[in-house]
Protein backbone atom coordinates (compact mmCIF):
# COMPACT_ATOMS: atom_id res chain seq x y z
CA UNK A 1 59.96 153.01 192.98
CA UNK A 2 61.06 156.48 193.26
CA UNK A 3 64.45 155.50 191.98
CA UNK A 4 62.83 154.74 188.95
CA UNK A 5 60.34 157.44 188.45
CA UNK A 6 61.35 160.67 186.93
CA UNK A 7 59.14 164.54 187.81
CA UNK A 8 56.40 164.56 185.55
CA UNK A 9 57.32 168.59 185.10
CA UNK A 10 60.96 169.12 184.90
CA UNK A 11 62.26 164.98 184.67
CA UNK A 12 64.50 164.99 187.64
CA UNK A 13 64.68 161.82 189.51
CA UNK A 14 66.11 164.06 192.90
CA UNK A 15 62.87 163.39 195.55
CA UNK A 16 62.77 164.83 199.14
CA UNK A 17 60.08 162.82 200.98
CA UNK A 18 58.24 163.81 203.97
CA UNK A 19 57.62 160.83 205.82
CA UNK A 20 55.33 162.36 208.31
CA UNK A 21 52.75 163.83 205.48
CA UNK A 22 53.34 160.92 202.99
CA UNK A 23 54.99 163.02 200.26
CA UNK A 24 57.43 162.76 197.42
CA UNK A 25 58.52 166.17 196.18
CA UNK A 26 60.88 167.17 193.67
CA UNK A 27 63.89 169.05 194.70
CA UNK A 28 64.23 170.88 191.62
CA UNK A 29 60.52 172.28 191.25
CA UNK A 30 58.99 171.56 194.07
CA UNK A 31 56.42 169.09 192.34
CA UNK A 32 54.63 166.92 194.90
CA UNK A 33 55.02 163.53 192.72
CA UNK A 34 53.19 161.19 195.30
CA UNK A 35 51.12 162.20 197.92
CA UNK A 36 50.30 158.65 199.74
CA UNK A 37 52.97 156.68 199.88
CA UNK A 38 53.23 153.94 202.56
CA UNK A 39 55.65 153.54 205.33
CA UNK A 40 56.42 150.14 205.05
CA UNK A 41 58.94 149.63 208.07
CA UNK A 42 58.84 148.65 211.57
CA UNK A 43 56.42 149.73 214.42
CA UNK A 44 58.30 151.64 217.12
CA UNK A 45 59.52 149.70 219.86
CA UNK A 46 57.70 149.72 223.35
CA UNK A 47 59.15 148.45 226.74
CA UNK A 48 56.62 148.79 228.75
CA UNK A 49 52.21 149.14 228.87
CA UNK A 50 52.05 153.02 228.55
CA UNK A 51 54.43 153.39 225.64
CA UNK A 52 53.07 150.15 223.94
CA UNK A 53 49.27 151.84 224.68
CA UNK A 54 50.52 155.31 223.13
CA UNK A 55 52.28 154.35 220.09
CA UNK A 56 50.02 151.64 218.87
CA UNK A 57 48.07 152.02 215.82
CA UNK A 58 45.72 149.63 215.44
CA UNK A 59 43.02 150.70 218.13
CA UNK A 60 41.90 149.61 221.66
CA UNK A 61 43.57 146.37 223.11
CA UNK A 62 41.19 143.54 223.88
CA UNK A 63 40.03 143.73 227.35
CA UNK A 64 38.26 140.19 228.77
CA UNK A 65 37.06 143.13 231.15
CA UNK A 66 34.55 143.86 228.40
CA UNK A 67 31.58 141.62 226.71
CA UNK A 68 31.91 142.94 223.50
CA UNK A 69 34.94 145.04 222.88
CA UNK A 70 33.61 146.48 219.12
CA UNK A 71 29.80 147.25 220.12
CA UNK A 72 28.70 150.87 219.89
CA UNK A 73 27.32 153.01 222.36
CA UNK A 74 24.89 155.83 221.84
CA UNK A 75 25.96 158.68 224.34
CA UNK A 76 26.67 158.79 227.43
CA UNK A 77 24.58 159.73 230.71
CA UNK A 78 26.39 163.08 230.91
CA UNK A 79 25.23 163.70 226.77
CA UNK A 80 21.96 162.53 227.86
CA UNK A 81 21.42 165.01 230.95
CA UNK A 82 22.12 168.23 228.51
CA UNK A 83 19.48 167.08 225.67
CA UNK A 84 15.82 168.60 226.12
CA UNK A 85 13.12 166.36 227.44
CA UNK A 86 12.06 164.83 223.61
CA UNK A 87 15.42 164.05 222.51
CA UNK A 88 16.08 162.62 226.22
CA UNK A 89 13.01 160.52 225.56
CA UNK A 90 14.13 159.40 222.17
CA UNK A 91 17.98 158.61 222.81
CA UNK A 92 16.97 156.66 226.26
CA UNK A 93 14.43 154.92 223.56
CA UNK A 94 17.61 154.22 221.42
CA UNK A 95 20.00 153.36 224.25
CA UNK A 96 17.34 150.51 224.99
CA UNK A 97 16.41 149.07 221.59
CA UNK A 98 20.61 149.00 220.83
CA UNK A 99 20.83 146.97 224.01
CA UNK A 100 18.25 144.29 222.46
CA UNK A 101 20.88 143.40 220.02
CA UNK A 102 23.37 142.18 222.54
CA UNK A 103 23.56 138.24 222.54
CA UNK A 104 22.30 136.24 225.32
CA UNK A 105 25.66 135.16 226.02
CA UNK A 106 26.95 139.25 226.15
CA UNK A 107 24.03 139.72 228.95
CA UNK A 108 25.18 137.19 230.55
CA UNK A 109 28.99 138.39 230.92
CA UNK A 110 28.29 142.09 231.74
CA UNK A 111 26.58 140.62 234.86
CA UNK A 112 29.02 138.93 235.85
CA UNK A 113 31.73 141.83 234.98
CA UNK A 114 29.65 143.81 237.51
CA UNK A 115 30.06 141.35 240.00
CA UNK A 116 33.79 141.16 239.43
CA UNK A 117 34.01 144.69 239.49
CA UNK A 118 32.67 144.79 243.04
CA UNK A 119 34.47 141.94 244.42
CA UNK A 120 37.62 143.56 242.79
CA UNK A 121 37.56 146.39 245.04
CA UNK A 122 36.43 144.98 248.36
CA UNK A 123 39.53 143.04 247.95
CA UNK A 124 41.60 145.83 246.36
CA UNK A 125 42.98 143.22 243.84
CA UNK A 126 45.46 144.84 240.71
CA UNK A 127 43.91 144.91 237.73
CA UNK A 128 46.26 142.16 235.95
CA UNK A 129 44.19 139.82 238.52
CA UNK A 130 41.16 141.14 237.91
CA UNK A 131 42.36 141.38 234.32
CA UNK A 132 42.84 137.63 234.57
CA UNK A 133 39.83 136.49 236.12
CA UNK A 134 38.02 137.94 233.59
CA UNK A 135 39.37 135.74 230.87
CA UNK A 136 39.38 132.71 233.00
CA UNK A 137 35.32 133.70 233.37
CA UNK A 138 35.29 133.65 229.36
CA UNK A 139 36.81 130.63 228.87
CA UNK A 140 34.89 128.57 231.37
CA UNK A 141 31.33 130.56 229.81
CA UNK A 142 32.76 129.43 226.61
CA UNK A 143 33.17 125.86 227.59
CA UNK A 144 29.89 125.66 229.16
CA UNK A 145 31.14 125.63 232.84
CA UNK A 146 27.95 128.48 233.82
CA UNK A 147 25.91 125.13 233.36
CA UNK A 148 26.96 122.97 235.93
CA UNK A 149 27.53 126.28 238.62
CA UNK A 150 25.83 129.25 238.96
CA UNK A 151 27.81 132.13 237.25
CA UNK A 152 28.31 133.89 241.03
CA UNK A 153 30.00 130.82 242.20
CA UNK A 154 32.26 130.72 238.80
CA UNK A 155 33.25 134.30 239.19
CA UNK A 156 34.46 133.65 242.47
CA UNK A 157 35.92 130.83 241.90
CA UNK A 158 38.23 132.32 238.88
CA UNK A 159 38.77 135.39 241.16
CA UNK A 160 40.74 132.92 243.71
CA UNK A 161 42.55 130.74 240.40
CA UNK A 162 43.33 134.11 239.29
CA UNK A 163 44.89 135.31 242.94
CA UNK A 164 46.29 131.83 242.70
CA UNK A 165 48.02 132.37 239.21
CA UNK A 166 50.07 136.04 240.58
CA UNK A 167 50.58 135.23 244.31
CA UNK A 168 48.38 137.53 246.02
CA UNK A 169 48.13 136.51 249.27
CA UNK A 170 44.48 135.78 249.50
CA UNK A 171 42.49 132.88 251.34
CA UNK A 172 39.53 130.84 250.19
CA UNK A 173 37.65 131.95 253.34
CA UNK A 174 38.35 135.26 252.65
CA UNK A 175 37.36 135.55 249.24
CA UNK A 176 34.39 133.37 250.24
CA UNK A 177 33.12 136.21 252.48
CA UNK A 178 33.72 138.96 250.00
CA UNK A 179 31.79 136.98 247.59
CA UNK A 180 29.28 135.76 249.67
CA UNK A 181 30.01 132.26 248.54
CA UNK A 182 29.65 129.14 250.50
CA UNK A 183 33.21 127.86 251.19
CA UNK A 184 32.51 124.26 249.62
CA UNK A 185 31.20 125.24 246.68
CA UNK A 186 34.02 127.25 246.11
CA UNK A 187 36.52 124.80 247.08
CA UNK A 188 34.54 122.53 244.22
CA UNK A 189 34.57 125.08 242.12
CA UNK A 190 38.38 125.83 242.09
CA UNK A 191 38.81 122.24 241.38
CA UNK A 192 36.42 121.88 238.88
CA UNK A 193 38.35 125.25 237.07
CA UNK A 194 41.66 123.54 237.32
CA UNK A 195 40.28 120.51 235.67
CA UNK A 196 38.20 121.92 233.00
CA UNK A 197 40.15 124.55 232.00
CA UNK A 198 43.44 122.62 232.09
CA UNK A 199 44.93 124.93 234.65
CA UNK A 200 48.05 124.51 236.65
CA UNK A 201 49.11 126.33 240.06
CA UNK A 202 52.01 126.16 242.29
CA UNK A 203 51.22 125.15 245.70
CA UNK A 204 50.75 127.96 248.29
CA UNK A 205 53.99 129.10 250.36
CA UNK A 206 53.77 130.14 253.89
CA UNK A 207 56.02 132.95 252.77
CA UNK A 208 53.62 134.65 250.72
CA UNK A 209 51.48 135.32 253.77
CA UNK A 210 54.05 136.60 255.97
CA UNK A 211 54.18 139.89 254.79
CA UNK A 212 50.22 140.94 254.55
CA UNK A 213 50.14 139.25 258.13
CA UNK A 214 52.76 141.13 259.53
CA UNK A 215 51.27 144.59 258.18
CA UNK A 216 47.95 143.52 259.99
CA UNK A 217 49.71 142.88 263.03
CA UNK A 218 51.80 146.02 262.69
CA UNK A 219 55.11 143.63 263.73
CA UNK A 220 58.65 144.99 263.19
CA UNK A 221 60.67 144.44 259.90
CA UNK A 222 63.02 142.63 262.69
CA UNK A 223 60.04 140.13 264.17
CA UNK A 224 58.64 139.61 260.13
CA UNK A 225 62.29 138.66 259.33
CA UNK A 226 62.60 135.77 262.47
CA UNK A 227 59.59 133.67 260.94
CA UNK A 228 60.74 133.92 257.95
CA UNK A 229 63.68 132.53 258.80
CA UNK A 230 61.95 129.97 261.07
CA UNK A 231 59.84 128.76 257.93
CA UNK A 232 62.85 128.41 256.04
CA UNK A 233 64.26 126.17 258.44
CA UNK A 234 60.92 124.26 258.37
CA UNK A 235 61.21 123.94 254.51
CA UNK A 236 64.73 122.69 254.38
CA UNK A 237 64.15 119.83 257.04
CA UNK A 238 60.85 119.01 255.38
CA UNK A 239 58.31 119.49 258.22
CA UNK A 240 55.88 121.58 255.74
CA UNK A 241 54.02 119.08 253.64
CA UNK A 242 50.73 118.32 254.75
CA UNK A 243 50.67 121.35 256.40
CA UNK A 244 47.66 124.46 255.74
CA UNK A 245 50.21 127.48 254.54
CA UNK A 246 47.84 130.18 256.71
CA UNK A 247 48.26 127.96 259.91
CA UNK A 248 52.21 127.84 259.34
CA UNK A 249 52.73 131.60 258.59
CA UNK A 250 50.47 132.62 261.58
CA UNK A 251 52.23 130.01 264.19
CA UNK A 252 55.56 131.48 262.57
CA UNK A 253 54.84 134.95 263.31
CA UNK A 254 53.33 134.30 266.77
CA UNK A 255 56.43 132.56 268.27
CA UNK A 256 58.39 135.09 266.54
CA UNK A 257 56.81 137.89 268.52
CA UNK A 258 57.59 136.08 271.88
CA UNK A 259 61.25 135.23 271.01
CA UNK A 260 61.48 139.20 269.76
CA UNK A 261 59.67 139.97 272.80
CA UNK A 262 57.00 141.70 270.88
CA UNK A 263 53.66 141.19 272.93
CA UNK A 264 50.30 140.24 270.54
CA UNK A 265 48.01 137.53 271.96
CA UNK A 266 46.52 134.27 270.16
CA UNK A 267 43.66 136.17 269.67
CA UNK A 268 45.00 139.22 267.56
CA UNK A 269 46.93 136.67 265.75
CA UNK A 270 44.26 134.03 265.33
CA UNK A 271 41.56 136.86 263.83
CA UNK A 272 44.65 138.65 262.01
CA UNK A 273 45.18 135.48 260.12
CA UNK A 274 42.08 133.86 259.90
CA UNK A 275 42.13 130.77 261.70
CA UNK A 276 41.08 129.59 265.43
CA UNK A 277 43.07 130.42 268.50
CA UNK A 278 43.19 126.12 269.41
CA UNK A 279 44.47 125.68 265.80
CA UNK A 280 47.27 128.00 266.45
CA UNK A 281 48.42 126.68 269.28
CA UNK A 282 48.26 123.16 268.31
CA UNK A 283 50.84 124.40 265.10
CA UNK A 284 53.18 126.55 267.19
CA UNK A 285 53.25 123.60 269.95
CA UNK A 286 54.12 121.01 266.85
CA UNK A 287 56.58 123.56 265.39
CA UNK A 288 58.53 124.45 268.97
CA UNK A 289 58.92 120.70 269.59
CA UNK A 290 60.36 119.57 265.90
CA UNK A 291 62.66 122.70 266.01
CA UNK A 292 63.53 121.99 269.66
CA UNK A 293 62.62 125.28 270.91
CA UNK A 294 62.39 126.39 274.55
CA UNK A 295 59.40 128.34 274.56
CA UNK A 296 56.31 127.04 275.90
CA UNK A 297 53.18 128.10 274.55
CA UNK A 298 49.85 128.19 276.51
């Protein structure tokens, strides 16, 4: 449009564009012809999350861990401490009345997200897994699944599903223990979430647990590599179907400890992997027989 316009003072059509301030200035007389030019060009390109957050112009991104992303907060605890007695009481009353404006759904979400933060801290989960669990819980709550199960059970189940989706090696026993949930109820809740929310999850592989258990047992990389090769050999022969990946990973590590002469007792391996010593011995004997290993498991 500026190409068709002329300067109202001198009549020239030669303009300088200041893109930072959105101004069009006449080069002949320095008259500001336009002071609010809209940049219709493309947004800046971002290749990682940090650059995207720093260059975005549309406010904070949606965070599923926050009950209401558009809510307004009246002051913070640090601001209230700086006030005098009467002002502090007045602001406290305003904050309390403001909280009444939240819906029951938002109150329920706030309580559930507090439980999620506590559970995520205990399990040392990445932020992406925490956000995934929050989104799964939101979908479950919006679909009314919190009426069939308690909010705590749904949240623990959502955390387990999120760990599966992101291939985080956390067993059901470990999540149930840290979330103080019943193991059978957690299993039913897990199946409920998969069925009602139509979530597809790939079967867990023993490889997902070998690195974690090896670090807990402080095993050498040589022993860890030997156990990975053993699991791959079993996988090629079709010997893993119907068996728990936890027990396979624990048995492969224990046999590798014997072959690489890195002493670990059955009690230590069973305690680190969360299975019983009897299960460890039975699985090791079966693997040794199937792979024709010349080692006796006592």
